[in-house]
Amino acid sequence: MQIKFSFDSSKPIAGEASIEIDKPINDVFAYIGEHFYDNYPKWALEVVELEPLDGNKVFVGAKAKQVREDNGSKVESVFEITDYQPAMKLIFKGLTEPYTHSYLLESSQEKQCTRLTFRFELAEIDVFMRPFQKLIRSAIEDGAENTVENIKKLLTTDRNQNLTAS
């Protein structure tokens, strides 16, 4: 008799959120992409340490180590920039943990604003966590919403007009 599980262990668990930011696309990308190492911990408040491993320039192949505070414990991971296209996208993938972060930007000519889409994908989870994938997906979706809202807030508040580190 074959046991069938009500979940697919091969499918990633992902969450995505989009938001419009009343700033030109180049300004939004400068904040997210060009000055990523300075600004990432500002919008990802769970990141308590971030160390670029290949200098402070952002480029495809650049690696960084981050320490995140997750539910009271510190989780360290190394990630690599896998796609970097100025004014379009920044994507990085975990090397020591199975995740992908994608920041995709689109310019709205008629509104003179930028649409930012953030996607977080967890490529795999432990088998014993699979029964909780709906809860995990919900947490990931909430996190994606918080991410785009934090970035918008940082970009639109007066004290954060400088697009580099403050």
Protein backbone atom coordinates (compact mmCIF):
# COMPACT_ATOMS: atom_id res chain seq x y z
CA MET A 1 0.00 0.00 0.00
CA GLN A 2 1.40 3.36 -1.01
CA ILE A 3 1.12 6.23 1.46
CA LYS A 4 -0.02 9.49 -0.09
CA PHE A 5 0.75 12.76 1.63
CA SER A 6 -1.47 15.80 1.22
CA PHE A 7 1.52 17.98 0.39
CA ASP A 8 4.06 18.10 -2.39
CA SER A 9 7.57 18.05 -1.00
CA SER A 10 9.08 19.08 -4.34
CA LYS A 11 7.27 22.41 -4.67
CA PRO A 12 8.82 25.50 -3.11
CA ILE A 13 6.82 27.59 -0.69
CA ALA A 14 6.68 31.21 -1.82
CA GLY A 15 5.15 34.53 -0.94
CA GLU A 16 4.99 37.67 -3.02
CA ALA A 17 3.88 41.26 -2.51
CA SER A 18 3.88 44.38 -4.65
CA ILE A 19 3.59 48.06 -3.86
CA GLU A 20 3.71 51.36 -5.72
CA ILE A 21 6.33 53.83 -4.57
CA ASP A 22 6.07 57.48 -5.56
CA LYS A 23 9.71 57.68 -6.63
CA PRO A 24 11.50 57.24 -9.96
CA ILE A 25 12.71 53.72 -10.68
CA ASN A 26 16.38 54.77 -10.59
CA ASP A 27 15.98 56.13 -7.04
CA VAL A 28 14.22 52.97 -5.85
CA PHE A 29 16.87 50.74 -7.43
CA ALA A 30 19.70 52.84 -6.01
CA TYR A 31 18.28 52.22 -2.54
CA ILE A 32 17.57 48.50 -3.03
CA GLY A 33 20.33 47.47 -5.42
CA GLU A 34 23.27 49.84 -5.53
CA HIS A 35 23.31 50.43 -1.77
CA PHE A 36 21.99 46.98 -0.85
CA TYR A 37 24.57 46.20 1.83
CA ASP A 38 23.90 49.50 3.62
CA ASN A 39 20.11 49.43 3.37
CA TYR A 40 19.05 45.76 3.53
CA PRO A 41 19.19 45.62 7.36
CA LYS A 42 17.00 48.77 7.46
CA TRP A 43 14.04 47.11 5.74
CA ALA A 44 14.73 43.55 6.91
CA LEU A 45 14.67 44.26 10.63
CA GLU A 46 15.33 40.59 11.48
CA VAL A 47 18.82 40.92 9.95
CA VAL A 48 21.09 41.71 12.89
CA GLU A 49 24.41 41.29 11.05
CA LEU A 50 25.33 41.59 7.38
CA GLU A 51 28.84 41.11 6.08
CA PRO A 52 29.69 41.42 2.37
CA LEU A 53 32.28 38.76 1.57
CA ASP A 54 33.49 40.23 -1.75
CA GLY A 55 33.67 43.96 -1.01
CA ASN A 56 30.88 46.53 -0.92
CA LYS A 57 29.99 46.49 -4.64
CA VAL A 58 26.89 44.57 -5.66
CA PHE A 59 27.39 42.28 -8.67
CA VAL A 60 26.39 38.84 -9.92
CA GLY A 61 28.44 36.33 -7.94
CA ALA A 62 28.97 38.59 -4.91
CA LYS A 63 28.46 36.76 -1.62
CA ALA A 64 27.44 37.95 1.82
CA LYS A 65 26.88 36.44 5.24
CA GLN A 66 23.84 37.41 7.25
CA VAL A 67 22.68 36.65 10.75
CA ARG A 68 18.92 36.80 11.24
CA GLU A 69 17.01 36.73 14.50
CA ASP A 70 14.19 34.22 13.98
CA ASN A 71 11.92 33.49 16.93
CA GLY A 72 14.58 34.27 19.50
CA SER A 73 17.41 32.30 17.89
CA LYS A 74 20.12 33.53 15.56
CA VAL A 75 20.34 31.88 12.16
CA GLU A 76 23.41 32.44 9.99
CA SER A 77 23.43 31.96 6.24
CA VAL A 78 25.54 32.83 3.23
CA PHE A 79 23.90 34.04 0.04
CA GLU A 80 25.01 34.95 -3.46
CA ILE A 81 23.72 37.60 -5.87
CA THR A 82 22.41 35.57 -8.83
CA ASP A 83 20.84 38.34 -10.94
CA TYR A 84 21.59 42.05 -10.89
CA GLN A 85 20.12 44.29 -13.58
CA PRO A 86 20.16 48.00 -12.67
CA ALA A 87 16.71 49.59 -12.49
CA MET A 88 15.11 46.18 -13.05
CA LYS A 89 15.96 43.49 -10.53
CA LEU A 90 18.11 42.14 -7.75
CA ILE A 91 17.94 38.44 -6.90
CA PHE A 92 19.97 36.53 -4.35
CA LYS A 93 19.93 32.89 -3.38
CA GLY A 94 20.96 31.18 -0.18
CA LEU A 95 24.01 28.97 -0.46
CA THR A 96 23.78 27.47 3.02
CA GLU A 97 19.98 27.64 3.30
CA PRO A 98 17.44 26.98 0.50
CA TYR A 99 15.88 30.43 -0.11
CA THR A 100 15.65 33.04 -2.85
CA HIS A 101 14.88 36.77 -2.49
CA SER A 102 13.75 38.63 -5.62
CA TYR A 103 13.27 42.39 -5.93
CA LEU A 104 11.65 43.29 -9.26
CA LEU A 105 11.01 46.87 -10.37
CA GLU A 106 8.74 48.31 -13.05
CA SER A 107 8.35 51.94 -13.99
CA SER A 108 4.90 53.44 -14.41
CA GLN A 109 5.28 56.24 -16.95
CA GLU A 110 1.76 57.65 -16.53
CA LYS A 111 2.05 57.89 -12.74
CA GLN A 112 5.79 58.67 -12.46
CA CYS A 113 6.19 55.97 -9.83
CA THR A 114 7.77 52.56 -9.40
CA ARG A 115 6.08 49.22 -8.79
CA LEU A 116 8.21 47.06 -6.52
CA THR A 117 7.52 43.34 -6.30
CA PHE A 118 9.28 41.28 -3.64
CA ARG A 119 9.20 37.49 -3.75
CA PHE A 120 10.57 35.13 -1.11
CA GLU A 121 10.86 31.47 -1.99
CA LEU A 122 11.75 28.65 0.35
CA ALA A 123 13.00 25.86 -1.91
CA GLU A 124 12.62 23.12 0.66
CA ILE A 125 11.63 22.52 4.23
CA ASP A 126 12.23 19.59 6.51
CA VAL A 127 9.78 16.72 6.07
CA PHE A 128 8.48 17.09 9.62
CA MET A 129 7.53 20.72 8.81
CA ARG A 130 5.50 19.84 5.67
CA PRO A 131 2.20 19.49 7.56
CA PHE A 132 2.64 23.15 8.54
CA GLN A 133 3.23 24.46 5.03
CA LYS A 134 0.02 26.54 5.05
CA LEU A 135 1.20 28.31 8.21
CA ILE A 136 4.68 28.72 6.73
CA ARG A 137 3.24 30.14 3.49
CA SER A 138 1.10 32.57 5.47
CA ALA A 139 4.15 33.75 7.45
CA ILE A 140 6.13 34.15 4.22
CA GLU A 141 3.31 36.18 2.63
CA ASP A 142 3.10 38.42 5.71
CA GLY A 143 6.87 38.87 5.57
CA ALA A 144 6.71 39.83 1.89
CA GLU A 145 4.05 42.46 2.64
CA ASN A 146 6.15 43.85 5.50
CA THR A 147 9.21 44.00 3.25
CA VAL A 148 7.61 46.13 0.52
CA GLU A 149 5.89 48.35 3.07
CA ASN A 150 9.18 48.89 4.96
CA ILE A 151 11.02 49.80 1.76
CA LYS A 152 8.30 52.25 0.73
CA LYS A 153 8.26 53.82 4.17
CA LEU A 154 12.05 54.22 4.21
CA LEU A 155 12.06 55.75 0.72
CA THR A 156 9.22 58.20 1.36
CA THR A 157 10.01 59.57 4.81
CA ASP A 158 11.86 62.87 4.85
CA ARG A 159 14.70 61.74 7.06
CA ASN A 160 15.51 58.90 4.64
CA GLN A 161 15.66 60.89 1.41
CA ASN A 162 19.36 60.13 1.11
CA LEU A 163 19.49 56.89 -0.87
CA THR A 164 22.74 55.75 0.65
CA ALA A 165 23.48 54.69 4.19
CA SER A 166 22.45 57.20 6.81
